[in-house]
Amino acid sequence: MNNTIVVHQPDFMPYLGFFQRFLQADLYVILDHVQFNTRGWTHRDKIKSRTGESWLSLSVKKSARESAISSIELSDGDAWRIANINKIRENYRKAPFFDAVFPKLVEMYQSPPRSMADFNLSLIKLFCNWLGISIGWKRSSEMLPLGAGSEMIAGLVAQAGGTRYLSGVGARDYHRQAPFDRAGIDVIWQDFKHPVYPQQFNDFVPYLSTVDVLFNCGPSGTAQLLRSI
């Protein structure tokens, strides 16, 4: 039974807090039926360069404003893929675990699926494998999502057979408890305190893509760090 459910968009190379919730949950409901937000995290995240935080972004085809995340396609051609790989190489080539992480990322970029969400999920799966995380997945676009906001989230958790919803603290500002109470679902708030780890280039910067931790600490070290939070 899927008691504890995480509901979240399929972000691009997410930060550590994204994966920390997976350690406490039974099922990840991939929120891919909602509108694609060009200011969101499904097509970009931050890595660290010599000058500080730097965006690493996917290139996607133009789409209607109301397009769902599941319908967004990656741009044709290999220019953006080469640019991403070159940027990762340039900033992490001297990192301790470059040789353990970089070749697999290159492999993922060489033949990405057309769908942005599918590409992100392939990276999330790779990161989960490195971190020793096993969790079930279910796409909201393949369920029967109704309503919006908390009503919709509570409905998805109920459809998935969940009795607990594990939410990130960022959702507090727009959370409504009533739909969860009506469905008999307990809401649990993630308690995530970002760990400090050895990092390149001057002062420590938190909340970067997990790829930064992987290059600096390695898959095994990142897995241990994640479980120490």
C-alpha atoms as a PDB file:
ATOM      1  CA  MET A   1       0.000   0.000   0.000  1.00  0.00           C
ATOM      2  CA  ASN A   2       1.248   3.481  -0.930  1.00  0.00           C
ATOM      3  CA  ASN A   3       0.840   5.169   2.440  1.00  0.00           C
ATOM      4  CA  THR A   4       3.082   8.213   2.044  1.00  0.00           C
ATOM      5  CA  ILE A   5       2.912  10.133  -1.221  1.00  0.00           C
ATOM      6  CA  VAL A   6       5.116  12.850  -2.699  1.00  0.00           C
ATOM      7  CA  VAL A   7       3.548  14.980  -5.453  1.00  0.00           C
ATOM      8  CA  HIS A   8       5.955  17.138  -7.415  1.00  0.00           C
ATOM      9  CA  GLN A   9       6.723  18.329 -10.915  1.00  0.00           C
ATOM     10  CA  PRO A  10       9.463  16.430 -12.807  1.00  0.00           C
ATOM     11  CA  ASP A  11      12.210  18.974 -12.221  1.00  0.00           C
ATOM     12  CA  PHE A  12      15.479  19.109 -14.174  1.00  0.00           C
ATOM     13  CA  MET A  13      18.436  17.769 -12.157  1.00  0.00           C
ATOM     14  CA  PRO A  14      16.755  18.670  -8.825  1.00  0.00           C
ATOM     15  CA  TYR A  15      18.448  19.713  -5.608  1.00  0.00           C
ATOM     16  CA  LEU A  16      19.059  17.431  -2.615  1.00  0.00           C
ATOM     17  CA  GLY A  17      15.781  18.275  -0.865  1.00  0.00           C
ATOM     18  CA  PHE A  18      13.855  16.786  -3.788  1.00  0.00           C
ATOM     19  CA  PHE A  19      15.473  13.393  -3.192  1.00  0.00           C
ATOM     20  CA  GLN A  20      15.356  13.600   0.603  1.00  0.00           C
ATOM     21  CA  ARG A  21      11.563  13.323   0.467  1.00  0.00           C
ATOM     22  CA  PHE A  22      11.862  10.122  -1.559  1.00  0.00           C
ATOM     23  CA  LEU A  23      13.610   8.467   1.390  1.00  0.00           C
ATOM     24  CA  GLN A  24      10.464   8.989   3.476  1.00  0.00           C
ATOM     25  CA  ALA A  25       7.819   8.108   0.872  1.00  0.00           C
ATOM     26  CA  ASP A  26       6.306   5.089  -0.871  1.00  0.00           C
ATOM     27  CA  LEU A  27       5.208   6.713  -4.135  1.00  0.00           C
ATOM     28  CA  TYR A  28       6.171   9.706  -6.246  1.00  0.00           C
ATOM     29  CA  VAL A  29       3.235  11.173  -8.171  1.00  0.00           C
ATOM     30  CA  ILE A  30       4.814  13.005 -11.095  1.00  0.00           C
ATOM     31  CA  LEU A  31       2.875  16.230 -11.495  1.00  0.00           C
ATOM     32  CA  ASP A  32       3.130  16.495 -15.277  1.00  0.00           C
ATOM     33  CA  HIS A  33      -0.410  17.516 -16.284  1.00  0.00           C
ATOM     34  CA  VAL A  34      -0.102  21.053 -14.885  1.00  0.00           C
ATOM     35  CA  GLN A  35       0.916  24.105 -16.905  1.00  0.00           C
ATOM     36  CA  PHE A  36       4.570  24.488 -17.875  1.00  0.00           C
ATOM     37  CA  ASN A  37       6.057  27.517 -16.121  1.00  0.00           C
ATOM     38  CA  THR A  38       8.988  29.165 -17.909  1.00  0.00           C
ATOM     39  CA  ARG A  39      10.117  30.559 -14.552  1.00  0.00           C
ATOM     40  CA  GLY A  40       9.968  27.179 -12.842  1.00  0.00           C
ATOM     41  CA  TRP A  41      12.475  24.388 -12.342  1.00  0.00           C
ATOM     42  CA  THR A  42      11.372  21.828 -14.923  1.00  0.00           C
ATOM     43  CA  HIS A  43      13.777  23.127 -17.576  1.00  0.00           C
ATOM     44  CA  ARG A  44      16.607  24.594 -15.486  1.00  0.00           C
ATOM     45  CA  ASP A  45      18.608  24.425 -12.269  1.00  0.00           C
ATOM     46  CA  LYS A  46      21.768  25.965 -10.878  1.00  0.00           C
ATOM     47  CA  ILE A  47      25.304  24.625 -10.815  1.00  0.00           C
ATOM     48  CA  LYS A  48      28.441  26.297  -9.459  1.00  0.00           C
ATOM     49  CA  SER A  49      31.010  28.087 -11.569  1.00  0.00           C
ATOM     50  CA  ARG A  50      34.128  30.076 -10.703  1.00  0.00           C
ATOM     51  CA  THR A  51      31.972  33.205 -10.486  1.00  0.00           C
ATOM     52  CA  GLY A  52      29.219  31.636  -8.363  1.00  0.00           C
ATOM     53  CA  GLU A  53      25.768  30.274  -9.201  1.00  0.00           C
ATOM     54  CA  SER A  54      25.101  29.646 -12.880  1.00  0.00           C
ATOM     55  CA  TRP A  55      22.003  28.392 -14.681  1.00  0.00           C
ATOM     56  CA  LEU A  56      22.087  25.117 -16.592  1.00  0.00           C
ATOM     57  CA  SER A  57      19.024  25.127 -18.857  1.00  0.00           C
ATOM     58  CA  LEU A  58      17.271  22.849 -21.306  1.00  0.00           C
ATOM     59  CA  SER A  59      16.204  24.238 -24.658  1.00  0.00           C
ATOM     60  CA  VAL A  60      12.528  23.515 -25.418  1.00  0.00           C
ATOM     61  CA  LYS A  61      10.282  24.097 -28.400  1.00  0.00           C
ATOM     62  CA  LYS A  62       7.841  26.981 -28.337  1.00  0.00           C
ATOM     63  CA  SER A  63       4.412  26.023 -27.077  1.00  0.00           C
ATOM     64  CA  ALA A  64       1.082  27.575 -26.190  1.00  0.00           C
ATOM     65  CA  ARG A  65       1.057  29.369 -22.843  1.00  0.00           C
ATOM     66  CA  GLU A  66      -1.332  26.848 -21.267  1.00  0.00           C
ATOM     67  CA  SER A  67       0.656  23.792 -22.409  1.00  0.00           C
ATOM     68  CA  ALA A  68       1.058  20.971 -19.899  1.00  0.00           C
ATOM     69  CA  ILE A  69       4.507  19.900 -18.760  1.00  0.00           C
ATOM     70  CA  SER A  70       3.875  16.488 -20.347  1.00  0.00           C
ATOM     71  CA  SER A  71       3.494  18.090 -23.792  1.00  0.00           C
ATOM     72  CA  ILE A  72       6.710  20.141 -23.791  1.00  0.00           C
ATOM     73  CA  GLU A  73       9.328  18.885 -26.248  1.00  0.00           C
ATOM     74  CA  LEU A  74      13.073  19.431 -26.257  1.00  0.00           C
ATOM     75  CA  SER A  75      14.490  21.507 -29.096  1.00  0.00           C
ATOM     76  CA  ASP A  76      15.786  19.740 -32.182  1.00  0.00           C
ATOM     77  CA  GLY A  77      19.462  19.592 -32.982  1.00  0.00           C
ATOM     78  CA  ASP A  78      22.444  19.073 -30.738  1.00  0.00           C
ATOM     79  CA  ALA A  79      23.682  22.636 -30.161  1.00  0.00           C
ATOM     80  CA  TRP A  80      22.007  23.007 -26.756  1.00  0.00           C
ATOM     81  CA  ARG A  81      23.062  19.525 -25.699  1.00  0.00           C
ATOM     82  CA  ILE A  82      26.687  20.227 -26.605  1.00  0.00           C
ATOM     83  CA  ALA A  83      26.503  23.575 -24.782  1.00  0.00           C
ATOM     84  CA  ASN A  84      25.189  21.881 -21.624  1.00  0.00           C
ATOM     85  CA  ILE A  85      27.819  19.176 -21.679  1.00  0.00           C
ATOM     86  CA  ASN A  86      30.594  21.710 -22.311  1.00  0.00           C
ATOM     87  CA  LYS A  87      29.383  23.854 -19.414  1.00  0.00           C
ATOM     88  CA  ILE A  88      29.293  20.879 -17.058  1.00  0.00           C
ATOM     89  CA  ARG A  89      32.753  19.767 -18.204  1.00  0.00           C
ATOM     90  CA  GLU A  90      34.272  23.213 -17.830  1.00  0.00           C
ATOM     91  CA  ASN A  91      32.997  23.713 -14.290  1.00  0.00           C
ATOM     92  CA  TYR A  92      33.508  20.212 -12.890  1.00  0.00           C
ATOM     93  CA  ARG A  93      36.486  18.745 -14.764  1.00  0.00           C
ATOM     94  CA  LYS A  94      38.677  19.170 -11.673  1.00  0.00           C
ATOM     95  CA  ALA A  95      36.074  17.917  -9.213  1.00  0.00           C
ATOM     96  CA  PRO A  96      37.074  14.764  -7.269  1.00  0.00           C
ATOM     97  CA  PHE A  97      34.427  12.505  -8.821  1.00  0.00           C
ATOM     98  CA  PHE A  98      34.315  13.897 -12.353  1.00  0.00           C
ATOM     99  CA  ASP A  99      35.282  10.579 -13.945  1.00  0.00           C
ATOM    100  CA  ALA A 100      32.598   8.700 -12.003  1.00  0.00           C
ATOM    101  CA  VAL A 101      29.740  11.038 -12.935  1.00  0.00           C
ATOM    102  CA  PHE A 102      30.446  12.874 -16.181  1.00  0.00           C
ATOM    103  CA  PRO A 103      30.481   9.940 -18.678  1.00  0.00           C
ATOM    104  CA  LYS A 104      27.003   8.823 -17.605  1.00  0.00           C
ATOM    105  CA  LEU A 105      25.618  12.356 -17.987  1.00  0.00           C
ATOM    106  CA  VAL A 106      27.123  12.553 -21.474  1.00  0.00           C
ATOM    107  CA  GLU A 107      25.427   9.265 -22.309  1.00  0.00           C
ATOM    108  CA  MET A 108      22.061  10.654 -21.186  1.00  0.00           C
ATOM    109  CA  TYR A 109      22.504  13.765 -23.328  1.00  0.00           C
ATOM    110  CA  GLN A 110      23.565  11.860 -26.438  1.00  0.00           C
ATOM    111  CA  SER A 111      20.137  10.380 -27.150  1.00  0.00           C
ATOM    112  CA  PRO A 112      17.511  12.216 -25.095  1.00  0.00           C
ATOM    113  CA  PRO A 113      13.803  11.511 -25.604  1.00  0.00           C
ATOM    114  CA  ARG A 114      11.736  14.199 -27.334  1.00  0.00           C
ATOM    115  CA  SER A 115       9.743  14.896 -24.195  1.00  0.00           C
ATOM    116  CA  MET A 116      11.255  17.274 -21.623  1.00  0.00           C
ATOM    117  CA  ALA A 117       9.496  15.424 -18.802  1.00  0.00           C
ATOM    118  CA  ASP A 118      10.822  12.065 -20.010  1.00  0.00           C
ATOM    119  CA  PHE A 119      14.367  13.434 -20.164  1.00  0.00           C
ATOM    120  CA  ASN A 120      14.073  14.869 -16.657  1.00  0.00           C
ATOM    121  CA  LEU A 121      12.696  11.595 -15.350  1.00  0.00           C
ATOM    122  CA  SER A 122      15.555   9.662 -16.912  1.00  0.00           C
ATOM    123  CA  LEU A 123      17.971  11.931 -15.032  1.00  0.00           C
ATOM    124  CA  ILE A 124      15.977  11.612 -11.800  1.00  0.00           C
ATOM    125  CA  LYS A 125      16.080   7.837 -12.191  1.00  0.00           C
ATOM    126  CA  LEU A 126      19.852   7.962 -12.747  1.00  0.00           C
ATOM    127  CA  PHE A 127      20.304  10.083  -9.629  1.00  0.00           C
ATOM    128  CA  CYS A 128      18.070   7.714  -7.635  1.00  0.00           C
ATOM    129  CA  ASN A 129      20.223   4.780  -8.736  1.00  0.00           C
ATOM    130  CA  TRP A 130      23.358   6.593  -7.644  1.00  0.00           C
ATOM    131  CA  LEU A 131      21.742   7.502  -4.314  1.00  0.00           C
ATOM    132  CA  GLY A 132      20.346   4.038  -3.631  1.00  0.00           C
ATOM    133  CA  ILE A 133      16.737   5.261  -3.672  1.00  0.00           C
ATOM    134  CA  SER A 134      13.857   2.983  -4.656  1.00  0.00           C
ATOM    135  CA  ILE A 135      10.375   4.485  -4.966  1.00  0.00           C
ATOM    136  CA  GLY A 136       7.301   3.832  -7.093  1.00  0.00           C
ATOM    137  CA  TRP A 137       6.263   6.368  -9.755  1.00  0.00           C
ATOM    138  CA  LYS A 138       2.885   7.370 -11.140  1.00  0.00           C
ATOM    139  CA  ARG A 139       2.152  10.199 -13.604  1.00  0.00           C
ATOM    140  CA  SER A 140      -0.683  12.599 -12.828  1.00  0.00           C
ATOM    141  CA  SER A 141      -1.377  12.815 -16.583  1.00  0.00           C
ATOM    142  CA  GLU A 142      -2.336   9.139 -16.464  1.00  0.00           C
ATOM    143  CA  MET A 143      -4.657   9.632 -13.469  1.00  0.00           C
ATOM    144  CA  LEU A 144      -7.862  11.655 -13.129  1.00  0.00           C
ATOM    145  CA  PRO A 145      -6.725  14.997 -11.693  1.00  0.00           C
ATOM    146  CA  LEU A 146      -9.604  17.267 -10.744  1.00  0.00           C
ATOM    147  CA  GLY A 147      -9.638  20.879  -9.626  1.00  0.00           C
ATOM    148  CA  ALA A 148      -6.552  22.891  -8.780  1.00  0.00           C
ATOM    149  CA  GLY A 149      -4.221  23.621  -5.892  1.00  0.00           C
ATOM    150  CA  SER A 150      -4.733  21.714  -2.656  1.00  0.00           C
ATOM    151  CA  GLU A 151      -7.987  20.178  -3.922  1.00  0.00           C
ATOM    152  CA  MET A 152      -6.157  18.639  -6.860  1.00  0.00           C
ATOM    153  CA  ILE A 153      -3.199  17.425  -4.781  1.00  0.00           C
ATOM    154  CA  ALA A 154      -5.457  15.824  -2.161  1.00  0.00           C
ATOM    155  CA  GLY A 155      -7.400  14.112  -4.940  1.00  0.00           C
ATOM    156  CA  LEU A 156      -4.235  12.666  -6.488  1.00  0.00           C
ATOM    157  CA  VAL A 157      -2.994  11.380  -3.125  1.00  0.00           C
ATOM    158  CA  ALA A 158      -6.380   9.744  -2.481  1.00  0.00           C
ATOM    159  CA  GLN A 159      -6.442   8.154  -5.965  1.00  0.00           C
ATOM    160  CA  ALA A 160      -2.973   6.738  -5.336  1.00  0.00           C
ATOM    161  CA  GLY A 161      -4.186   5.140  -2.103  1.00  0.00           C
ATOM    162  CA  GLY A 162      -2.206   7.445   0.133  1.00  0.00           C
ATOM    163  CA  THR A 163      -3.002   8.254   3.741  1.00  0.00           C
ATOM    164  CA  ARG A 164      -0.152  10.753   4.164  1.00  0.00           C
ATOM    165  CA  TYR A 165       1.026  13.577   1.924  1.00  0.00           C
ATOM    166  CA  LEU A 166       4.668  14.635   2.335  1.00  0.00           C
ATOM    167  CA  SER A 167       5.052  18.227   1.165  1.00  0.00           C
ATOM    168  CA  GLY A 168       7.949  20.592   0.757  1.00  0.00           C
ATOM    169  CA  VAL A 169       7.813  23.709   2.931  1.00  0.00           C
ATOM    170  CA  GLY A 170       7.577  25.904  -0.156  1.00  0.00           C
ATOM    171  CA  ALA A 171       3.935  24.886  -0.514  1.00  0.00           C
ATOM    172  CA  ARG A 172       2.887  26.366   2.841  1.00  0.00           C
ATOM    173  CA  ASP A 173       1.976  29.735   1.337  1.00  0.00           C
ATOM    174  CA  TYR A 174      -0.764  28.286  -0.850  1.00  0.00           C
ATOM    175  CA  HIS A 175      -1.686  25.167   1.129  1.00  0.00           C
ATOM    176  CA  ARG A 176      -5.320  24.607   2.121  1.00  0.00           C
ATOM    177  CA  GLN A 177      -5.877  21.947   4.771  1.00  0.00           C
ATOM    178  CA  ALA A 178      -9.615  21.384   4.256  1.00  0.00           C
ATOM    179  CA  PRO A 179      -9.377  19.128   1.149  1.00  0.00           C
ATOM    180  CA  PHE A 180      -6.947  16.828   2.954  1.00  0.00           C
ATOM    181  CA  ASP A 181      -9.118  16.690   6.056  1.00  0.00           C
ATOM    182  CA  ARG A 182     -12.142  15.720   3.955  1.00  0.00           C
ATOM    183  CA  ALA A 183     -10.134  12.920   2.342  1.00  0.00           C
ATOM    184  CA  GLY A 184      -8.700  11.707   5.656  1.00  0.00           C
ATOM    185  CA  ILE A 185      -5.132  12.457   4.552  1.00  0.00           C
ATOM    186  CA  ASP A 186      -2.453  13.580   7.000  1.00  0.00           C
ATOM    187  CA  VAL A 187      -0.147  16.344   5.762  1.00  0.00           C
ATOM    188  CA  ILE A 188       3.514  16.025   6.737  1.00  0.00           C
ATOM    189  CA  TRP A 189       5.903  18.914   6.168  1.00  0.00           C
ATOM    190  CA  GLN A 190       9.423  18.147   5.068  1.00  0.00           C
ATOM    191  CA  ASP A 191      12.096  19.179   7.549  1.00  0.00           C
ATOM    192  CA  PHE A 192      15.097  19.767   5.291  1.00  0.00           C
ATOM    193  CA  LYS A 193      18.237  21.505   6.440  1.00  0.00           C
ATOM    194  CA  HIS A 194      20.757  21.762   3.643  1.00  0.00           C
ATOM    195  CA  PRO A 195      24.038  20.058   4.554  1.00  0.00           C
ATOM    196  CA  VAL A 196      27.425  21.639   3.956  1.00  0.00           C
ATOM    197  CA  TYR A 197      29.839  19.544   1.887  1.00  0.00           C
ATOM    198  CA  PRO A 198      33.243  20.068   0.227  1.00  0.00           C
ATOM    199  CA  GLN A 199      32.663  22.277  -2.807  1.00  0.00           C
ATOM    200  CA  GLN A 200      34.771  23.958  -5.463  1.00  0.00           C
ATOM    201  CA  PHE A 201      35.290  27.669  -5.969  1.00  0.00           C
ATOM    202  CA  ASN A 202      35.318  29.767  -2.820  1.00  0.00           C
ATOM    203  CA  ASP A 203      32.416  30.002  -0.334  1.00  0.00           C
ATOM    204  CA  PHE A 204      29.807  27.255  -0.024  1.00  0.00           C
ATOM    205  CA  VAL A 205      26.594  27.750  -2.026  1.00  0.00           C
ATOM    206  CA  PRO A 206      23.524  25.692  -0.959  1.00  0.00           C
ATOM    207  CA  TYR A 207      20.482  24.609  -2.988  1.00  0.00           C
ATOM    208  CA  LEU A 208      22.321  23.825  -6.205  1.00  0.00           C
ATOM    209  CA  SER A 209      21.477  20.888  -8.434  1.00  0.00           C
ATOM    210  CA  THR A 210      22.338  17.524  -6.886  1.00  0.00           C
ATOM    211  CA  VAL A 211      24.839  17.129  -9.704  1.00  0.00           C
ATOM    212  CA  ASP A 212      27.104  19.518  -7.769  1.00  0.00           C
ATOM    213  CA  VAL A 213      27.138  17.193  -4.757  1.00  0.00           C
ATOM    214  CA  LEU A 214      27.700  14.155  -6.967  1.00  0.00           C
ATOM    215  CA  PHE A 215      30.776  15.659  -8.612  1.00  0.00           C
ATOM    216  CA  ASN A 216      32.229  16.758  -5.273  1.00  0.00           C
ATOM    217  CA  CYS A 217      31.267  13.840  -3.021  1.00  0.00           C
ATOM    218  CA  GLY A 218      30.612  10.986  -5.443  1.00  0.00           C
ATOM    219  CA  PRO A 219      27.481   8.791  -5.616  1.00  0.00           C
ATOM    220  CA  SER A 220      28.299   6.878  -2.426  1.00  0.00           C
ATOM    221  CA  GLY A 221      29.259   9.987  -0.498  1.00  0.00           C
ATOM    222  CA  THR A 222      26.139  11.814  -1.655  1.00  0.00           C
ATOM    223  CA  ALA A 223      23.970   8.880  -0.624  1.00  0.00           C
ATOM    224  CA  GLN A 224      25.511   8.934   2.847  1.00  0.00           C
ATOM    225  CA  LEU A 225      25.155  12.718   3.090  1.00  0.00           C
ATOM    226  CA  LEU A 226      21.496  12.546   2.107  1.00  0.00           C
ATOM    227  CA  ARG A 227      20.763  10.034   4.846  1.00  0.00           C
ATOM    228  CA  SER A 228      22.559  12.104   7.455  1.00  0.00           C
ATOM    229  CA  ILE A 229      20.199  15.083   7.078  1.00  0.00           C
END
